[in-house]
Amino acid sequence: MQNRRIKYSLILMALFMSFLGQAQKQLSLSDAISIGVRNNYDLQISRNAQKSAAINNSRGNAGELPSISFSTTGRENFNFNDKEDVRTQTITPEVSLNWVLFNGFSAKITKQKLETLEEQSKGNTAVLVESTIQDIVLAYYNCLVQKEILTVYDELNKLSEDRFKRTEDSKEMGASTTYESLQAKTAWLEDQSNFLQQKVNLENAVRTLNYLLAEEDNETWEFTSPLKEVEAEYDLATMKTKLLANNQTLKNQYLNQSLLAQETALAKSRLFPKLSLNTGVRSNNTDMYYSDNTPDISQNSTDAFFGLTLSYNIFNGGTTKRSIQLAKINEETSYVKTDQMKHSLTNQLLQQYSNFKVQQSILELAKEKESVAKLNLELSAEKLKNGAINSFNYRDVQIAYMNAALKKFNAIYNLIQTNVGLMRLTGGIVDELE
């Protein structure tokens, strides 16, 4: 009866776990990228900044358009006299237009600067998109790696449990000692501990992915994309060309360089005179109301005005000259920074490329080592049953297999990480992973 209850409990537990598995949402790598690019918190903030830059990029904000204003003034005046009191009511509406016709081409330069700022904002979003995609890809594959490692620990846990049970049975028959049983139990408990810790590692990896996707922390997924090895091959010369042409961070530096050149042009524009137009229409409506027999009087007049103002700064203590000199220094500094960035990115490319080639070799060695260790584990399990080796030798083989399996999965992940880094450096991460 007791065995039957246990059997029913196991069946119900299996059904429950199956239900949980079905309740999980399926998530492929492309789905994860799509969700992350759409919902990632940093990207939402960056897109709002991009919208602000687009709104600021207007002719009116650059000073190319005139300003038109309307104003009206009302006044009530009371005049108390001995003969007769007078109340005077005056209303003066006015419409005026002010327009800077020329200011050393500053309006045109400012408009170009606003356009560059909008492009720079788009470039910042593009860099963040690349960074987000890179983080999502690595987080997704890290989940797959942690899941595979959990499978290894589960396999070792089951082997240790089987070994402990056989040792217990052997001890009851007098074929093994209590010491051997305790050693087997210690190994089993250690494998259980590793298994539980790895479950936490997997859960944390999923939480990291959920944060990047802006999903709930407790969201669980059925990962449908496989943990596959990188099969890409690269030509270093081609990659250098792509880096200089397509790297988004370098493109943003070119935009920053352009902004500083525009700042220099703006500083130079202060050397020119400023010509402004002021025109408008003003109306004056006056009504006079007398307290006795004098008839009320109403007067209305309208006048239009037109004026040009020319101003020129003759001397301001050398402020304009210093502004131009500082702007030129900043512009020259941007050229140096561009060269520095090119050198730095090229250096990163060379390092990543060398690391990629090394990681390819490491992975091949790790695969071969894991294959040998797994075969050795299978053969050792048979030898342990036949009494050809003792439990200590078998435990050493288990640990060797575990280490080989972990190194293989870590080698796969390291190669993926290096490959994604190369794709981002050469500006192809978005196109490659779409």
Protein backbone atom coordinates (compact mmCIF):
# COMPACT_ATOMS: atom_id res chain seq x y z
CA MET A 1 0.00 0.00 0.00
CA GLN A 2 2.82 2.33 0.93
CA ASN A 3 4.64 1.58 -2.34
CA ARG A 4 1.48 2.28 -4.26
CA ARG A 5 1.08 5.70 -2.61
CA ILE A 6 4.68 6.52 -3.43
CA LYS A 7 4.11 5.49 -7.04
CA TYR A 8 1.00 7.67 -7.31
CA SER A 9 2.86 10.61 -5.75
CA LEU A 10 5.67 10.24 -8.27
CA ILE A 11 3.19 10.10 -11.14
CA LEU A 12 1.42 13.24 -9.90
CA MET A 13 4.76 15.00 -9.50
CA ALA A 14 5.78 14.01 -13.02
CA LEU A 15 2.47 15.31 -14.39
CA PHE A 16 2.91 18.55 -12.46
CA MET A 17 6.44 19.05 -13.79
CA SER A 18 5.18 18.28 -17.29
CA PHE A 19 2.50 20.94 -16.85
CA LEU A 20 5.12 23.47 -15.74
CA GLY A 21 7.19 22.62 -18.79
CA GLN A 22 4.20 23.20 -21.07
CA ALA A 23 3.42 26.51 -19.32
CA GLN A 24 6.86 27.87 -20.20
CA LYS A 25 6.98 30.29 -23.09
CA GLN A 26 9.16 29.37 -26.02
CA LEU A 27 12.01 31.76 -26.68
CA SER A 28 14.42 31.64 -29.59
CA LEU A 29 17.51 33.80 -29.87
CA SER A 30 15.88 35.97 -32.56
CA ASP A 31 12.77 36.39 -30.37
CA ALA A 32 14.94 37.44 -27.44
CA ILE A 33 16.70 40.05 -29.58
CA SER A 34 13.39 41.40 -30.91
CA ILE A 35 11.90 41.67 -27.41
CA GLY A 36 15.04 43.26 -26.00
CA VAL A 37 15.44 45.83 -28.77
CA ARG A 38 11.80 46.79 -28.31
CA ASN A 39 11.54 46.84 -24.51
CA ASN A 40 15.04 47.33 -23.05
CA TYR A 41 14.99 50.15 -20.49
CA ASP A 42 18.14 51.90 -21.68
CA LEU A 43 16.94 51.79 -25.28
CA GLN A 44 13.61 53.36 -24.33
CA ILE A 45 15.49 56.22 -22.64
CA SER A 46 17.81 56.62 -25.63
CA ARG A 47 14.90 56.72 -28.08
CA ASN A 48 13.27 59.49 -26.04
CA ALA A 49 16.52 61.45 -26.22
CA GLN A 50 16.52 60.89 -29.98
CA LYS A 51 12.95 62.25 -30.21
CA SER A 52 14.03 65.35 -28.26
CA ALA A 53 16.92 65.93 -30.66
CA ALA A 54 14.54 65.62 -33.63
CA ILE A 55 12.19 68.21 -32.07
CA ASN A 56 15.07 70.60 -31.44
CA ASN A 57 16.22 70.30 -35.06
CA SER A 58 14.03 73.06 -36.49
CA ARG A 59 14.64 76.25 -38.44
CA GLY A 60 12.95 78.27 -35.74
CA ASN A 61 15.27 76.91 -33.07
CA ALA A 62 18.24 77.74 -35.29
CA GLY A 63 17.14 81.39 -35.57
CA GLU A 64 16.32 81.32 -39.29
CA LEU A 65 12.67 82.39 -38.86
CA PRO A 66 11.21 85.68 -37.63
CA SER A 67 9.31 86.11 -34.38
CA ILE A 68 5.84 87.66 -34.44
CA SER A 69 4.24 89.03 -31.29
CA PHE A 70 1.00 90.71 -30.34
CA SER A 71 0.49 93.01 -27.40
CA THR A 72 -2.21 95.37 -26.23
CA THR A 73 -2.26 98.03 -23.56
CA GLY A 74 -5.41 99.39 -21.91
CA ARG A 75 -5.51 102.46 -19.71
CA GLU A 76 -8.29 104.24 -17.82
CA ASN A 77 -7.57 107.87 -16.80
CA PHE A 78 -9.77 110.03 -14.53
CA ASN A 79 -9.43 113.83 -14.58
CA PHE A 80 -11.40 115.73 -11.92
CA ASN A 81 -11.87 119.48 -12.71
CA ASP A 82 -13.94 122.30 -11.17
CA LYS A 83 -16.05 122.71 -14.25
CA GLU A 84 -16.34 119.23 -15.63
CA ASP A 85 -14.84 115.76 -14.96
CA VAL A 86 -13.30 113.74 -17.78
CA ARG A 87 -12.74 109.98 -18.04
CA THR A 88 -10.30 108.92 -20.75
CA GLN A 89 -10.10 105.33 -21.99
CA THR A 90 -7.14 104.30 -24.16
CA ILE A 91 -6.55 100.93 -25.87
CA THR A 92 -3.35 100.40 -27.89
CA PRO A 93 -3.00 97.02 -29.69
CA GLU A 94 0.24 96.25 -31.54
CA VAL A 95 1.54 93.50 -33.83
CA SER A 96 5.28 93.44 -34.40
CA LEU A 97 7.74 91.28 -36.33
CA ASN A 98 11.42 90.87 -35.47
CA TRP A 99 13.77 89.07 -37.84
CA VAL A 100 17.54 88.73 -37.74
CA LEU A 101 18.42 89.01 -41.42
CA PHE A 102 22.12 88.39 -41.06
CA ASN A 103 24.29 87.34 -38.13
CA GLY A 104 27.49 86.05 -39.67
CA PHE A 105 25.81 82.87 -41.07
CA SER A 106 25.22 81.71 -37.46
CA ALA A 107 21.62 80.64 -38.21
CA LYS A 108 22.77 78.39 -41.06
CA ILE A 109 25.62 76.95 -38.99
CA THR A 110 23.31 76.41 -36.01
CA LYS A 111 20.85 74.53 -38.21
CA GLN A 112 23.68 72.29 -39.44
CA LYS A 113 24.72 71.75 -35.82
CA LEU A 114 21.18 70.74 -34.83
CA GLU A 115 21.08 68.27 -37.72
CA THR A 116 24.40 66.82 -36.57
CA LEU A 117 23.12 66.57 -33.00
CA GLU A 118 20.11 64.63 -34.23
CA GLU A 119 22.38 62.29 -36.19
CA GLN A 120 24.59 61.92 -33.13
CA SER A 121 21.54 61.01 -31.04
CA LYS A 122 20.62 58.37 -33.62
CA GLY A 123 24.21 57.14 -33.51
CA ASN A 124 24.08 56.88 -29.71
CA THR A 125 20.92 54.80 -30.01
CA ALA A 126 22.59 52.62 -32.65
CA VAL A 127 25.58 52.00 -30.33
CA LEU A 128 23.19 51.11 -27.53
CA VAL A 129 21.27 48.75 -29.84
CA GLU A 130 24.52 46.96 -30.67
CA SER A 131 25.48 46.78 -27.01
CA THR A 132 22.03 45.48 -26.05
CA ILE A 133 22.07 42.82 -28.78
CA GLN A 134 25.54 41.72 -27.67
CA ASP A 135 24.40 41.47 -24.04
CA ILE A 136 21.23 39.57 -24.98
CA VAL A 137 23.10 37.07 -27.18
CA LEU A 138 25.64 36.36 -24.45
CA ALA A 139 22.94 36.16 -21.76
CA TYR A 140 20.88 33.78 -23.90
CA TYR A 141 23.82 31.46 -24.58
CA ASN A 142 24.87 31.68 -20.95
CA CYS A 143 21.44 30.27 -20.03
CA LEU A 144 22.01 27.40 -22.47
CA VAL A 145 25.48 26.75 -21.05
CA GLN A 146 24.23 26.79 -17.47
CA LYS A 147 21.45 24.42 -18.48
CA GLU A 148 23.94 21.99 -20.05
CA ILE A 149 26.16 22.17 -16.97
CA LEU A 150 23.11 21.40 -14.83
CA THR A 151 22.56 18.28 -16.97
CA VAL A 152 26.16 17.20 -16.29
CA TYR A 153 25.72 17.64 -12.54
CA ASP A 154 22.41 15.78 -12.68
CA GLU A 155 24.09 12.89 -14.49
CA LEU A 156 26.91 12.76 -11.93
CA ASN A 157 24.40 12.98 -9.10
CA LYS A 158 22.52 9.97 -10.43
CA LEU A 159 25.74 7.99 -10.87
CA SER A 160 26.84 8.82 -7.32
CA GLU A 161 23.44 7.84 -5.97
CA ASP A 162 23.61 4.52 -7.80
CA ARG A 163 27.14 3.97 -6.54
CA PHE A 164 26.07 4.69 -2.94
CA LYS A 165 23.12 2.31 -3.15
CA ARG A 166 25.32 -0.47 -4.54
CA THR A 167 27.86 0.17 -1.79
CA GLU A 168 25.11 -0.10 0.83
CA ASP A 169 23.87 -3.37 -0.67
CA SER A 170 27.43 -4.65 -0.82
CA LYS A 171 27.99 -3.68 2.82
CA GLU A 172 24.90 -5.65 3.91
CA MET A 173 26.32 -8.70 2.18
CA GLY A 174 29.71 -8.12 3.79
CA ALA A 175 31.51 -7.36 0.51
CA SER A 176 32.39 -3.75 1.40
CA THR A 177 33.18 -1.76 4.52
CA THR A 178 31.43 1.08 6.27
CA TYR A 179 34.32 3.36 5.27
CA GLU A 180 33.65 2.73 1.57
CA SER A 181 29.96 3.39 2.13
CA LEU A 182 30.70 6.66 3.87
CA GLN A 183 33.00 7.73 1.05
CA ALA A 184 30.29 6.94 -1.51
CA LYS A 185 27.73 8.89 0.51
CA THR A 186 30.07 11.86 0.83
CA ALA A 187 30.57 11.91 -2.96
CA TRP A 188 26.80 11.70 -3.50
CA LEU A 189 26.12 14.56 -1.08
CA GLU A 190 28.78 16.66 -2.80
CA ASP A 191 27.19 16.02 -6.19
CA GLN A 192 23.76 16.92 -4.80
CA SER A 193 25.21 20.17 -3.47
CA ASN A 194 26.80 20.95 -6.87
CA PHE A 195 23.50 20.20 -8.58
CA LEU A 196 21.54 22.55 -6.29
CA GLN A 197 24.10 25.32 -6.66
CA GLN A 198 23.99 24.96 -10.43
CA LYS A 199 20.19 25.31 -10.34
CA VAL A 200 20.72 28.68 -8.66
CA ASN A 201 23.29 29.62 -11.33
CA LEU A 202 20.78 28.80 -14.05
CA GLU A 203 18.03 30.78 -12.33
CA ASN A 204 20.32 33.80 -11.99
CA ALA A 205 21.31 33.55 -15.66
CA VAL A 206 17.62 33.59 -16.63
CA ARG A 207 17.01 36.60 -14.37
CA THR A 208 19.85 38.46 -16.08
CA LEU A 209 18.27 37.73 -19.45
CA ASN A 210 14.84 38.82 -18.20
CA TYR A 211 16.29 42.15 -17.04
CA LEU A 212 17.78 42.80 -20.48
CA LEU A 213 14.41 41.94 -22.05
CA ALA A 214 12.53 44.09 -19.50
CA GLU A 215 10.52 41.02 -18.50
CA GLU A 216 9.42 39.93 -15.04
CA ASP A 217 12.21 38.43 -12.92
CA ASN A 218 10.31 35.16 -12.39
CA GLU A 219 9.55 34.62 -16.08
CA THR A 220 10.68 31.18 -17.27
CA TRP A 221 11.47 30.17 -20.84
CA GLU A 222 11.84 27.14 -23.01
CA PHE A 223 14.96 28.00 -24.99
CA THR A 224 14.43 26.79 -28.56
CA SER A 225 17.73 27.92 -30.14
CA PRO A 226 20.48 25.31 -29.76
CA LEU A 227 23.88 25.84 -28.17
CA LYS A 228 25.77 25.48 -31.43
CA GLU A 229 29.43 25.98 -32.12
CA VAL A 230 30.69 28.98 -34.09
CA GLU A 231 31.74 27.98 -37.59
CA ALA A 232 32.67 31.45 -38.88
CA GLU A 233 36.00 32.15 -40.54
CA TYR A 234 37.44 35.65 -40.84
CA ASP A 235 39.96 37.47 -43.01
CA LEU A 236 41.87 40.01 -40.94
CA ALA A 237 42.40 42.54 -43.75
CA THR A 238 38.69 42.51 -44.64
CA MET A 239 37.77 42.95 -41.00
CA LYS A 240 40.02 46.02 -40.68
CA THR A 241 38.32 47.59 -43.68
CA LYS A 242 34.88 46.87 -42.21
CA LEU A 243 35.91 48.30 -38.85
CA LEU A 244 37.03 51.64 -40.30
CA ALA A 245 33.91 51.87 -42.48
CA ASN A 246 31.15 50.44 -40.29
CA ASN A 247 32.09 50.66 -36.61
CA GLN A 248 29.29 52.69 -35.02
CA THR A 249 31.41 54.10 -32.20
CA LEU A 250 33.87 55.44 -34.77
CA LYS A 251 30.99 56.91 -36.79
CA ASN A 252 29.83 58.75 -33.68
CA GLN A 253 33.32 60.16 -33.20
CA TYR A 254 33.21 61.53 -36.75
CA LEU A 255 29.93 63.27 -35.85
CA ASN A 256 31.49 64.69 -32.70
CA GLN A 257 34.39 65.93 -34.81
CA SER A 258 31.89 67.63 -37.13
CA LEU A 259 30.15 69.28 -34.15
CA LEU A 260 33.40 70.79 -32.93
CA ALA A 261 34.14 72.10 -36.44
CA GLN A 262 30.71 73.77 -36.40
CA GLU A 263 31.52 75.29 -33.00
CA THR A 264 34.60 76.86 -34.58
CA ALA A 265 32.48 78.27 -37.40
CA LEU A 266 29.99 79.68 -34.88
CA ALA A 267 32.79 81.39 -32.99
CA LYS A 268 34.04 82.95 -36.23
CA SER A 269 30.53 84.18 -37.10
CA ARG A 270 30.78 86.68 -34.23
CA LEU A 271 33.33 88.62 -36.31
CA PHE A 272 30.54 89.71 -38.70
CA PRO A 273 27.98 92.48 -38.16
CA LYS A 274 24.36 91.74 -37.23
CA LEU A 275 21.44 93.09 -39.25
CA SER A 276 17.92 92.93 -37.79
CA LEU A 277 14.51 93.91 -39.17
CA ASN A 278 11.77 95.29 -36.94
CA THR A 279 8.35 96.07 -38.37
CA GLY A 280 4.76 96.17 -37.18
CA VAL A 281 1.41 97.90 -36.92
CA ARG A 282 0.16 99.86 -33.90
CA SER A 283 -3.35 101.21 -33.31
CA ASN A 284 -4.31 103.87 -30.76
CA ASN A 285 -8.00 104.09 -29.73
CA THR A 286 -8.91 106.90 -27.30
CA ASP A 287 -12.40 107.64 -25.91
CA MET A 288 -13.08 110.70 -23.72
CA TYR A 289 -16.24 110.80 -21.61
CA TYR A 290 -17.37 114.15 -20.04
CA SER A 291 -19.55 114.41 -16.97
CA ASP A 292 -21.65 117.46 -18.09
CA ASN A 293 -22.74 118.87 -21.43
CA THR A 294 -19.54 118.48 -23.42
CA PRO A 295 -19.97 115.81 -26.15
CA ASP A 296 -17.89 112.64 -25.78
CA ILE A 297 -14.93 112.36 -28.11
CA SER A 298 -13.57 109.23 -29.83
CA GLN A 299 -10.20 109.25 -31.59
CA ASN A 300 -8.65 106.35 -33.54
CA SER A 301 -5.26 106.28 -35.23
CA THR A 302 -3.15 103.56 -36.84
CA ASP A 303 0.50 103.70 -37.72
CA ALA A 304 2.92 101.23 -39.27
CA PHE A 305 6.61 101.18 -38.54
CA PHE A 306 9.63 99.68 -40.21
CA GLY A 307 13.20 99.69 -39.02
CA LEU A 308 16.59 98.13 -39.64
CA THR A 309 19.22 97.75 -36.96
CA LEU A 310 22.86 97.18 -37.81
CA SER A 311 25.20 96.34 -34.97
CA TYR A 312 28.88 95.48 -34.95
CA ASN A 313 31.11 94.59 -32.07
CA ILE A 314 34.22 96.75 -32.36
CA PHE A 315 35.97 95.58 -29.20
CA ASN A 316 34.95 93.22 -26.38
CA GLY A 317 38.23 92.65 -24.60
CA GLY A 318 39.36 89.88 -26.96
CA THR A 319 36.49 87.56 -26.00
CA THR A 320 35.67 86.67 -29.60
CA LYS A 321 39.31 85.99 -30.45
CA ARG A 322 39.71 83.72 -27.42
CA SER A 323 36.51 81.85 -28.29
CA ILE A 324 37.82 81.15 -31.78
CA GLN A 325 41.18 79.99 -30.45
CA LEU A 326 39.57 77.63 -27.91
CA ALA A 327 37.18 76.25 -30.52
CA LYS A 328 40.10 75.52 -32.86
CA ILE A 329 41.98 73.74 -30.06
CA ASN A 330 38.92 71.60 -29.29
CA GLU A 331 38.55 70.80 -33.00
CA GLU A 332 42.20 69.78 -33.26
CA THR A 333 41.81 67.64 -30.14
CA SER A 334 38.90 65.82 -31.77
CA TYR A 335 41.17 64.82 -34.68
CA VAL A 336 43.67 63.38 -32.24
CA LYS A 337 40.89 61.51 -30.43
CA THR A 338 39.69 60.09 -33.75
CA ASP A 339 43.17 58.78 -34.54
CA GLN A 340 43.40 57.41 -31.02
CA MET A 341 40.03 55.66 -31.38
CA LYS A 342 41.03 54.13 -34.72
CA HIS A 343 44.22 52.80 -33.18
CA SER A 344 42.39 51.52 -30.10
CA LEU A 345 39.66 49.78 -32.10
CA THR A 346 42.22 48.23 -34.46
CA ASN A 347 44.16 47.01 -31.44
CA GLN A 348 40.98 45.49 -29.99
CA LEU A 349 40.28 43.83 -33.33
CA LEU A 350 43.73 42.24 -33.45
CA GLN A 351 43.36 40.98 -29.89
CA GLN A 352 39.86 39.63 -30.50
CA TYR A 353 40.93 37.97 -33.73
CA SER A 354 43.91 36.27 -32.04
CA ASN A 355 41.68 35.22 -29.16
CA PHE A 356 39.12 33.86 -31.63
CA LYS A 357 41.69 31.63 -33.32
CA VAL A 358 42.97 30.43 -29.94
CA GLN A 359 39.44 29.74 -28.67
CA GLN A 360 38.76 27.64 -31.77
CA SER A 361 41.74 25.45 -30.94
CA ILE A 362 40.83 25.30 -27.25
CA LEU A 363 37.32 24.16 -28.12
CA GLU A 364 38.60 21.35 -30.32
CA LEU A 365 40.88 20.16 -27.53
CA ALA A 366 38.09 20.47 -24.95
CA LYS A 367 35.70 18.43 -27.13
CA GLU A 368 38.26 15.68 -27.57
CA LYS A 369 39.08 15.67 -23.87
CA GLU A 370 35.39 15.51 -22.90
CA SER A 371 34.79 12.65 -25.33
CA VAL A 372 37.71 10.67 -23.87
CA ALA A 373 36.60 11.44 -20.30
CA LYS A 374 33.04 10.31 -21.02
CA LEU A 375 34.22 7.04 -22.55
CA ASN A 376 36.53 6.52 -19.59
CA LEU A 377 33.57 7.12 -17.24
CA GLU A 378 31.46 4.51 -19.01
CA LEU A 379 34.30 1.95 -18.94
CA SER A 380 35.08 2.73 -15.31
CA ALA A 381 31.45 2.20 -14.33
CA GLU A 382 31.65 -1.33 -15.72
CA LYS A 383 35.01 -1.94 -14.04
CA LEU A 384 33.57 -0.77 -10.72
CA LYS A 385 30.71 -3.25 -11.04
CA ASN A 386 33.16 -6.03 -11.83
CA GLY A 387 35.47 -5.04 -8.98
CA ALA A 388 38.39 -4.20 -11.30
CA ILE A 389 38.75 -0.73 -9.72
CA ASN A 390 37.82 0.64 -6.34
CA SER A 391 35.40 3.46 -5.55
CA PHE A 392 38.21 5.99 -5.12
CA ASN A 393 39.46 5.42 -8.65
CA TYR A 394 35.91 5.72 -9.95
CA ARG A 395 35.40 9.03 -8.13
CA ASP A 396 38.57 10.40 -9.72
CA VAL A 397 37.17 9.42 -13.14
CA GLN A 398 33.86 11.15 -12.29
CA ILE A 399 35.61 14.37 -11.34
CA ALA A 400 37.77 14.22 -14.47
CA TYR A 401 34.63 13.87 -16.62
CA MET A 402 32.91 16.73 -14.80
CA ASN A 403 35.89 19.06 -15.31
CA ALA A 404 36.19 18.08 -18.98
CA ALA A 405 32.48 18.71 -19.59
CA LEU A 406 32.60 22.09 -17.85
CA LYS A 407 35.66 23.12 -19.86
CA LYS A 408 33.95 22.12 -23.09
CA PHE A 409 30.85 24.22 -22.41
CA ASN A 410 32.94 27.14 -21.20
CA ALA A 411 35.03 26.87 -24.39
CA ILE A 412 31.87 26.99 -26.51
CA TYR A 413 30.67 30.09 -24.64
CA ASN A 414 34.08 31.81 -24.87
CA LEU A 415 34.18 31.24 -28.62
CA ILE A 416 30.64 32.66 -28.98
CA GLN A 417 31.63 35.65 -26.86
CA THR A 418 34.70 36.34 -28.98
CA ASN A 419 32.75 35.92 -32.21
CA VAL A 420 30.04 38.37 -31.10
CA GLY A 421 32.77 40.84 -30.11
CA LEU A 422 34.25 40.63 -33.60
CA MET A 423 30.86 41.18 -35.20
CA ARG A 424 30.29 44.29 -33.10
CA LEU A 425 33.74 45.74 -33.78
CA THR A 426 33.25 45.41 -37.53
CA GLY A 427 29.74 46.92 -37.36
CA GLY A 428 27.93 43.80 -38.49
CA ILE A 429 26.27 42.59 -35.31
CA VAL A 430 22.82 43.97 -36.20
CA ASP A 431 22.79 42.62 -39.76
CA GLU A 432 24.34 39.29 -38.80
CA LEU A 433 21.92 38.53 -35.98
CA GLU A 434 18.73 39.86 -37.56
